[in-house]
C-alpha atoms as a PDB file:
ATOM      1  CA  MET A   1      36.051   5.371  29.538  1.00  0.00           C
ATOM      2  CA  LYS A   2      34.628   8.372  28.868  1.00  0.00           C
ATOM      3  CA  SER A   3      37.503  10.068  26.743  1.00  0.00           C
ATOM      4  CA  THR A   4      37.552   6.937  24.505  1.00  0.00           C
ATOM      5  CA  LEU A   5      33.574   7.110  23.999  1.00  0.00           C
ATOM      6  CA  ASN A   6      34.374  10.887  23.235  1.00  0.00           C
ATOM      7  CA  LYS A   7      37.385   9.679  21.022  1.00  0.00           C
ATOM      8  CA  LEU A   8      35.206   7.467  18.822  1.00  0.00           C
ATOM      9  CA  LEU A   9      32.724   9.902  18.408  1.00  0.00           C
ATOM     10  CA  ALA A  10      34.930  12.399  17.143  1.00  0.00           C
ATOM     11  CA  ASP A  11      36.326  10.498  14.774  1.00  0.00           C
ATOM     12  CA  ASN A  12      33.070   9.133  13.333  1.00  0.00           C
ATOM     13  CA  LYS A  13      30.943  12.434  13.516  1.00  0.00           C
ATOM     14  CA  GLY A  14      30.558  12.380   9.602  1.00  0.00           C
ATOM     15  CA  LEU A  15      29.448   8.957   9.753  1.00  0.00           C
ATOM     16  CA  LEU A  16      26.945   9.459  12.631  1.00  0.00           C
ATOM     17  CA  ALA A  17      25.625  12.463  11.090  1.00  0.00           C
ATOM     18  CA  PHE A  18      24.952  10.699   7.795  1.00  0.00           C
ATOM     19  CA  ILE A  19      23.597   8.094   9.383  1.00  0.00           C
ATOM     20  CA  ALA A  20      21.054  10.646  11.707  1.00  0.00           C
ATOM     21  CA  LEU A  21      20.188  12.243   7.944  1.00  0.00           C
ATOM     22  CA  MET A  22      19.051   9.101   6.153  1.00  0.00           C
ATOM     23  CA  VAL A  23      17.222   8.251   9.135  1.00  0.00           C
ATOM     24  CA  MET A  24      15.279  11.475   8.890  1.00  0.00           C
ATOM     25  CA  PHE A  25      14.797  11.017   5.310  1.00  0.00           C
ATOM     26  CA  ARG A  26      13.633   7.649   5.112  1.00  0.00           C
ATOM     27  CA  SER A  27      11.142   9.055   7.969  1.00  0.00           C
ATOM     28  CA  ALA A  28       9.881  11.778   6.928  1.00  0.00           C
ATOM     29  CA  ILE A  29      10.738  12.202   3.167  1.00  0.00           C
ATOM     30  CA  ALA A  30      10.967   9.149   0.840  1.00  0.00           C
ATOM     31  CA  ASP A  31      11.713   5.484   1.862  1.00  0.00           C
ATOM     32  CA  TYR A  32      11.414   1.971   0.108  1.00  0.00           C
ATOM     33  CA  ASN A  33       9.154  -0.771   1.506  1.00  0.00           C
ATOM     34  CA  VAL A  34       9.662  -4.869   0.856  1.00  0.00           C
ATOM     35  CA  VAL A  35       6.584  -6.281   0.268  1.00  0.00           C
ATOM     36  CA  PRO A  36       6.307  -9.594   1.933  1.00  0.00           C
ATOM     37  CA  SER A  37       2.666 -10.949   1.121  1.00  0.00           C
ATOM     38  CA  GLY A  38       0.552 -11.157  -1.525  1.00  0.00           C
ATOM     39  CA  SER A  39      -2.762  -9.378  -0.774  1.00  0.00           C
ATOM     40  CA  MET A  40      -1.881  -6.344  -3.398  1.00  0.00           C
ATOM     41  CA  LEU A  41      -1.393  -9.185  -6.749  1.00  0.00           C
ATOM     42  CA  PRO A  42      -1.604  -8.396  -9.157  1.00  0.00           C
ATOM     43  CA  THR A  43      -0.616  -5.090  -9.002  1.00  0.00           C
ATOM     44  CA  VAL A  44       2.429  -5.778  -6.473  1.00  0.00           C
ATOM     45  CA  GLN A  45       3.927  -8.960  -6.093  1.00  0.00           C
ATOM     46  CA  ILE A  46       5.972 -10.490  -3.386  1.00  0.00           C
ATOM     47  CA  GLY A  47       9.371  -9.194  -3.250  1.00  0.00           C
ATOM     48  CA  ASP A  48       9.008  -5.917  -4.603  1.00  0.00           C
ATOM     49  CA  ARG A  49      10.350  -2.820  -3.164  1.00  0.00           C
ATOM     50  CA  ILE A  50       8.146   0.153  -3.618  1.00  0.00           C
ATOM     51  CA  LEU A  51       8.851   3.567  -3.449  1.00  0.00           C
ATOM     52  CA  VAL A  52       6.996   5.591  -0.738  1.00  0.00           C
ATOM     53  CA  ASP A  53       6.529   9.140  -1.209  1.00  0.00           C
ATOM     54  CA  LYS A  54       6.227  10.303   2.802  1.00  0.00           C
ATOM     55  CA  MET A  55       5.413  13.846   1.834  1.00  0.00           C
ATOM     56  CA  ALA A  56       2.385  13.071   0.001  1.00  0.00           C
ATOM     57  CA  TYR A  57       0.082  14.027   2.096  1.00  0.00           C
ATOM     58  CA  ASP A  58       1.510  15.438   5.237  1.00  0.00           C
ATOM     59  CA  LEU A  59       5.029  17.046   6.677  1.00  0.00           C
ATOM     60  CA  ARG A  60       5.594  15.168   9.586  1.00  0.00           C
ATOM     61  CA  LEU A  61       7.992  15.073  12.777  1.00  0.00           C
ATOM     62  CA  PRO A  62      10.601  12.579  11.842  1.00  0.00           C
ATOM     63  CA  LEU A  63      10.073   9.290  13.680  1.00  0.00           C
ATOM     64  CA  THR A  64       6.649  10.446  14.943  1.00  0.00           C
ATOM     65  CA  HIS A  65       3.208  10.185  13.431  1.00  0.00           C
ATOM     66  CA  ILE A  66       2.819  14.191  14.307  1.00  0.00           C
ATOM     67  CA  SER A  67       1.952  16.275  11.157  1.00  0.00           C
ATOM     68  CA  LEU A  68       3.429  19.780  10.877  1.00  0.00           C
ATOM     69  CA  LEU A  69       1.694  20.632   7.656  1.00  0.00           C
ATOM     70  CA  ARG A  70      -1.004  19.104   5.476  1.00  0.00           C
ATOM     71  CA  LEU A  71       0.516  18.988   1.879  1.00  0.00           C
ATOM     72  CA  GLY A  72      -2.320  16.893   0.295  1.00  0.00           C
ATOM     73  CA  GLU A  73      -5.264  15.033   0.626  1.00  0.00           C
ATOM     74  CA  PRO A  74      -5.676  11.356  -0.004  1.00  0.00           C
ATOM     75  CA  GLN A  75      -7.330  10.255  -3.229  1.00  0.00           C
ATOM     76  CA  ARG A  76      -9.606   7.187  -4.144  1.00  0.00           C
ATOM     77  CA  GLY A  77      -7.384   4.357  -6.105  1.00  0.00           C
ATOM     78  CA  ASP A  78      -4.364   5.965  -3.910  1.00  0.00           C
ATOM     79  CA  ILE A  79      -1.709   2.912  -3.062  1.00  0.00           C
ATOM     80  CA  VAL A  80      -0.929   3.608   0.669  1.00  0.00           C
ATOM     81  CA  THR A  81       1.431   2.432   3.719  1.00  0.00           C
ATOM     82  CA  ILE A  82      -0.629   2.199   6.675  1.00  0.00           C
ATOM     83  CA  ASP A  83       1.044   2.319  10.365  1.00  0.00           C
ATOM     84  CA  SER A  84      -1.884  -0.115  11.407  1.00  0.00           C
ATOM     85  CA  ARG A  85      -2.363   0.098  15.093  1.00  0.00           C
ATOM     86  CA  GLN A  86      -5.349  -2.518  14.380  1.00  0.00           C
ATOM     87  CA  ALA A  87      -3.015  -4.811  12.621  1.00  0.00           C
ATOM     88  CA  GLY A  88       0.040  -3.751  14.552  1.00  0.00           C
ATOM     89  CA  GLU A  89       1.958  -3.805  11.584  1.00  0.00           C
ATOM     90  CA  LEU A  90       3.201  -1.753   8.449  1.00  0.00           C
ATOM     91  CA  LEU A  91       0.448  -2.761   5.774  1.00  0.00           C
ATOM     92  CA  VAL A  92       0.161  -2.035   2.192  1.00  0.00           C
ATOM     93  CA  LYS A  93      -3.210  -1.115   0.719  1.00  0.00           C
ATOM     94  CA  ARG A  94      -5.572   0.432  -1.778  1.00  0.00           C
ATOM     95  CA  ILE A  95      -7.730   3.619  -0.783  1.00  0.00           C
ATOM     96  CA  VAL A  96     -11.361   2.501  -2.228  1.00  0.00           C
ATOM     97  CA  GLY A  97     -13.400   4.604   0.490  1.00  0.00           C
ATOM     98  CA  LEU A  98     -13.086   8.400   1.351  1.00  0.00           C
ATOM     99  CA  PRO A  99     -14.860  10.058   4.240  1.00  0.00           C
ATOM    100  CA  GLY A 100     -18.649   9.956   4.044  1.00  0.00           C
ATOM    101  CA  ASP A 101     -18.572   7.423   1.085  1.00  0.00           C
ATOM    102  CA  VAL A 102     -20.929   4.346   1.360  1.00  0.00           C
ATOM    103  CA  VAL A 103     -18.688   1.298   0.444  1.00  0.00           C
ATOM    104  CA  GLU A 104     -20.357  -1.882  -0.334  1.00  0.00           C
ATOM    105  CA  LEU A 105     -18.897  -5.344  -1.700  1.00  0.00           C
ATOM    106  CA  ARG A 106     -21.357  -7.972  -3.173  1.00  0.00           C
ATOM    107  CA  ASP A 107     -19.734 -10.954  -4.830  1.00  0.00           C
ATOM    108  CA  ASN A 108     -16.469  -9.105  -4.838  1.00  0.00           C
ATOM    109  CA  VAL A 109     -18.468  -6.294  -7.071  1.00  0.00           C
ATOM    110  CA  LEU A 110     -17.359  -2.891  -5.413  1.00  0.00           C
ATOM    111  CA  PHE A 111     -20.376  -0.480  -4.646  1.00  0.00           C
ATOM    112  CA  ILE A 112     -19.796   3.286  -3.705  1.00  0.00           C
ATOM    113  CA  ASN A 113     -22.314   5.412  -2.704  1.00  0.00           C
ATOM    114  CA  GLY A 114     -25.019   3.038  -4.666  1.00  0.00           C
ATOM    115  CA  GLN A 115     -22.832   3.001  -7.725  1.00  0.00           C
ATOM    116  CA  PRO A 116     -21.373  -0.020  -9.352  1.00  0.00           C
ATOM    117  CA  ALA A 117     -17.296  -0.339 -10.282  1.00  0.00           C
ATOM    118  CA  HIS A 118     -17.219  -1.689 -13.966  1.00  0.00           C
ATOM    119  CA  TYR A 119     -15.141  -4.714 -14.880  1.00  0.00           C
ATOM    120  CA  HIS A 120     -14.057  -6.508 -17.905  1.00  0.00           C
ATOM    121  CA  PRO A 121     -11.207  -9.388 -18.272  1.00  0.00           C
ATOM    122  CA  ALA A 122      -7.696  -8.490 -17.757  1.00  0.00           C
ATOM    123  CA  ALA A 123      -4.805 -10.354 -18.239  1.00  0.00           C
ATOM    124  CA  GLU A 124      -3.176 -13.193 -16.068  1.00  0.00           C
ATOM    125  CA  ALA A 125      -0.278 -11.736 -14.207  1.00  0.00           C
ATOM    126  CA  PRO A 126       2.379 -13.835 -12.795  1.00  0.00           C
ATOM    127  CA  GLU A 127       1.581 -15.327  -9.216  1.00  0.00           C
ATOM    128  CA  ALA A 128       4.991 -14.915  -7.787  1.00  0.00           C
ATOM    129  CA  GLY A 129       4.102 -17.264  -5.064  1.00  0.00           C
ATOM    130  CA  ASP A 130       0.743 -16.584  -4.005  1.00  0.00           C
ATOM    131  CA  GLY A 131      -0.174 -20.300  -3.663  1.00  0.00           C
ATOM    132  CA  SER A 132      -1.520 -22.783  -6.464  1.00  0.00           C
ATOM    133  CA  ASP A 133      -5.415 -22.087  -7.084  1.00  0.00           C
ATOM    134  CA  GLN A 134      -6.708 -20.406 -10.344  1.00  0.00           C
ATOM    135  CA  ALA A 135      -7.590 -17.319 -10.445  1.00  0.00           C
ATOM    136  CA  ALA A 136      -9.499 -14.801 -12.307  1.00  0.00           C
ATOM    137  CA  TYR A 137      -8.159 -10.904 -12.866  1.00  0.00           C
ATOM    138  CA  ARG A 138     -10.382  -7.732 -13.778  1.00  0.00           C
ATOM    139  CA  ASP A 139      -9.879  -4.375 -14.644  1.00  0.00           C
ATOM    140  CA  GLU A 140     -11.863  -2.268 -11.998  1.00  0.00           C
ATOM    141  CA  ARG A 141     -12.825   1.220 -12.658  1.00  0.00           C
ATOM    142  CA  TYR A 142     -15.125   3.724 -10.741  1.00  0.00           C
ATOM    143  CA  GLY A 143     -14.150   7.154 -11.759  1.00  0.00           C
ATOM    144  CA  ALA A 144     -10.764   7.696 -11.890  1.00  0.00           C
ATOM    145  CA  MET A 145      -9.811   4.756 -10.231  1.00  0.00           C
ATOM    146  CA  GLU A 146      -8.841   2.348 -12.764  1.00  0.00           C
ATOM    147  CA  HIS A 147      -6.485  -1.169 -11.664  1.00  0.00           C
ATOM    148  CA  ALA A 148      -6.563  -4.968 -11.840  1.00  0.00           C
ATOM    149  CA  VAL A 149      -7.981  -7.513  -8.858  1.00  0.00           C
ATOM    150  CA  ARG A 150      -7.430 -10.712  -8.499  1.00  0.00           C
ATOM    151  CA  LEU A 151     -10.356 -13.265  -7.392  1.00  0.00           C
ATOM    152  CA  SER A 152      -9.642 -16.660  -6.076  1.00  0.00           C
ATOM    153  CA  ALA A 153     -12.082 -19.131  -8.427  1.00  0.00           C
ATOM    154  CA  ALA A 154     -11.272 -22.073  -5.606  1.00  0.00           C
ATOM    155  CA  HIS A 155     -11.250 -19.847  -2.190  1.00  0.00           C
ATOM    156  CA  PRO A 156     -13.571 -16.912  -2.396  1.00  0.00           C
ATOM    157  CA  SER A 157     -13.422 -14.680   1.028  1.00  0.00           C
ATOM    158  CA  LEU A 158     -16.091 -15.037   3.504  1.00  0.00           C
ATOM    159  CA  HIS A 159     -16.032 -11.236   2.956  1.00  0.00           C
ATOM    160  CA  SER A 160     -16.839 -11.473  -0.963  1.00  0.00           C
ATOM    161  CA  SER A 161     -19.644  -9.676   0.256  1.00  0.00           C
ATOM    162  CA  TYR A 162     -19.407  -6.965   3.100  1.00  0.00           C
ATOM    163  CA  GLY A 163     -21.448  -3.670   4.061  1.00  0.00           C
ATOM    164  CA  PRO A 164     -22.832  -1.263   3.173  1.00  0.00           C
ATOM    165  CA  VAL A 165     -20.725   0.606   5.727  1.00  0.00           C
ATOM    166  CA  VAL A 166     -20.274   4.161   5.685  1.00  0.00           C
ATOM    167  CA  VAL A 167     -16.624   5.802   6.284  1.00  0.00           C
ATOM    168  CA  PRO A 168     -16.256   8.378   9.211  1.00  0.00           C
ATOM    169  CA  PRO A 169     -15.142  11.530   9.232  1.00  0.00           C
ATOM    170  CA  GLY A 170     -10.862  11.345   9.086  1.00  0.00           C
ATOM    171  CA  HIS A 171     -10.798   7.692   7.997  1.00  0.00           C
ATOM    172  CA  TYR A 172     -10.582   5.642   4.916  1.00  0.00           C
ATOM    173  CA  MET A 173     -11.693   2.228   3.985  1.00  0.00           C
ATOM    174  CA  MET A 174      -8.832   0.237   2.436  1.00  0.00           C
ATOM    175  CA  LEU A 175      -8.613  -2.987   0.423  1.00  0.00           C
ATOM    176  CA  GLY A 176      -6.157  -5.284  -1.226  1.00  0.00           C
ATOM    177  CA  ASP A 177      -6.190  -6.066  -5.309  1.00  0.00           C
ATOM    178  CA  ASN A 178      -6.520  -9.394  -4.138  1.00  0.00           C
ATOM    179  CA  ARG A 179      -9.874  -9.083  -2.986  1.00  0.00           C
ATOM    180  CA  ASP A 180     -10.232 -12.909  -1.613  1.00  0.00           C
ATOM    181  CA  ASN A 181      -6.637 -12.916   0.102  1.00  0.00           C
ATOM    182  CA  SER A 182      -6.590  -9.678   1.839  1.00  0.00           C
ATOM    183  CA  MET A 183      -6.839  -8.236   5.626  1.00  0.00           C
ATOM    184  CA  ASP A 184      -7.786  -5.095   4.990  1.00  0.00           C
ATOM    185  CA  SER A 185     -11.012  -2.801   6.255  1.00  0.00           C
ATOM    186  CA  ARG A 186     -12.889  -5.734   6.027  1.00  0.00           C
ATOM    187  CA  TYR A 187     -11.163  -7.052   9.006  1.00  0.00           C
ATOM    188  CA  PHE A 188      -9.110  -4.001  10.785  1.00  0.00           C
ATOM    189  CA  GLY A 189     -12.040  -1.323  10.132  1.00  0.00           C
ATOM    190  CA  PHE A 190     -11.454   2.115   9.123  1.00  0.00           C
ATOM    191  CA  PHE A 191      -8.041   3.416   8.836  1.00  0.00           C
ATOM    192  CA  ALA A 192      -7.729   6.895  10.429  1.00  0.00           C
ATOM    193  CA  ARG A 193      -5.348   9.795   8.386  1.00  0.00           C
ATOM    194  CA  ASP A 194      -2.536   9.805  10.585  1.00  0.00           C
ATOM    195  CA  GLU A 195      -1.761   6.168  10.128  1.00  0.00           C
ATOM    196  CA  LEU A 196      -1.246   6.845   6.614  1.00  0.00           C
ATOM    197  CA  MET A 197       2.572   7.152   6.212  1.00  0.00           C
ATOM    198  CA  GLY A 198       2.825   7.695   2.252  1.00  0.00           C
ATOM    199  CA  ARG A 199       1.791   7.160  -0.981  1.00  0.00           C
ATOM    200  CA  THR A 200       3.458   4.810  -3.588  1.00  0.00           C
ATOM    201  CA  ARG A 201       3.144   4.693  -7.255  1.00  0.00           C
ATOM    202  CA  ARG A 202       6.093   3.191  -8.328  1.00  0.00           C
ATOM    203  CA  ILE A 203       8.393  -0.002  -7.812  1.00  0.00           C
ATOM    204  CA  ALA A 204      12.214   0.795  -6.876  1.00  0.00           C
ATOM    205  CA  PHE A 205      13.267  -2.658  -7.451  1.00  0.00           C
ATOM    206  CA  SER A 206      12.183  -6.371  -7.196  1.00  0.00           C
ATOM    207  CA  LEU A 207      13.353  -9.715  -6.108  1.00  0.00           C
ATOM    208  CA  ASP A 208      11.840 -13.203  -6.763  1.00  0.00           C
ATOM    209  CA  ALA A 209      12.664 -15.140  -3.216  1.00  0.00           C
ATOM    210  CA  GLU A 210      11.561 -18.341  -4.996  1.00  0.00           C
ATOM    211  CA  ARG A 211      14.575 -18.196  -7.373  1.00  0.00           C
ATOM    212  CA  GLY A 212      17.301 -17.526  -5.312  1.00  0.00           C
ATOM    213  CA  TYR A 213      16.516 -13.760  -5.054  1.00  0.00           C
ATOM    214  CA  ARG A 214      16.846 -13.170  -8.660  1.00  0.00           C
ATOM    215  CA  PRO A 215      16.194  -9.301 -10.158  1.00  0.00           C
ATOM    216  CA  ARG A 216      13.045  -9.331 -11.634  1.00  0.00           C
ATOM    217  CA  LEU A 217      14.526  -6.408 -14.141  1.00  0.00           C
ATOM    218  CA  GLU A 218      10.941  -6.240 -16.082  1.00  0.00           C
ATOM    219  CA  ARG A 219       9.684  -5.014 -13.084  1.00  0.00           C
ATOM    220  CA  PHE A 220      12.691  -2.420 -12.094  1.00  0.00           C
ATOM    221  CA  GLY A 221      10.941   1.259 -11.978  1.00  0.00           C
ATOM    222  CA  GLN A 222       7.641   0.369 -12.890  1.00  0.00           C
ATOM    223  CA  LEU A 223       4.530   1.909 -12.512  1.00  0.00           C
ATOM    224  CA  LEU A 224       2.101   0.566 -10.230  1.00  0.00           C
ATOM    225  CA  ASP A 225      -1.003   1.251 -12.217  1.00  0.00           C
ATOM    226  CA  ALA A 226      -0.934   1.502 -15.748  1.00  0.00           C
ATOM    227  CA  THR A 227      -3.289   4.794 -15.297  1.00  0.00           C
ATOM    228  CA  PRO A 228      -2.256   6.546 -12.091  1.00  0.00           C
ATOM    229  CA  PRO A 229      -5.169   8.180 -10.072  1.00  0.00           C
ATOM    230  CA  ARG A 230      -5.925  11.557 -11.923  1.00  0.00           C
ATOM    231  CA  GLN A 231      -5.570  14.504  -9.377  1.00  0.00           C
END
């Protein structure tokens, strides 16, 4: 039995080495993630496969949260993947509050450090399976952060007004762009820096599950924000 196993390993060492390298690459350098929910509509649609830069903030020991080297700092407006201890799953959200910020929502108007974000109407985006209720779309801008948000006309969130809260050191406040249908910091609290697994700015490819996983070719390689956050 032992000799058979050794022979099997010897015959497939190239494949095994490739698999090991791919696992380490996806864990520590870059990956793509499937988006199963509509919490980031209209920016990210259900079925999008987003590219994730795992080295945006840290060089990590593969398969762990251990940071070997800090490479950058999260910025307001970044869309990030979060390995959330509170939620017990991988989330995709947008950073709105940095350490020390005072963040508040008043009827879905975002205030940061007492200053309101600016809003104006945006063109409606495809719903991609997020339900049948009517929605309004607004361009939200605060400083260098600019993106579209989705507001439900029929079912506003119980947390459309929230705070004010102070973001503690080493933590970040996250919101979904689909403000009335997102489980984010309003439910799970602040997210620690070591829970941020990477930053995403682009879609790899997109499949429409409601239409037999038909490719959405227009979304292949698309930037998530028309104007990415400035550094």
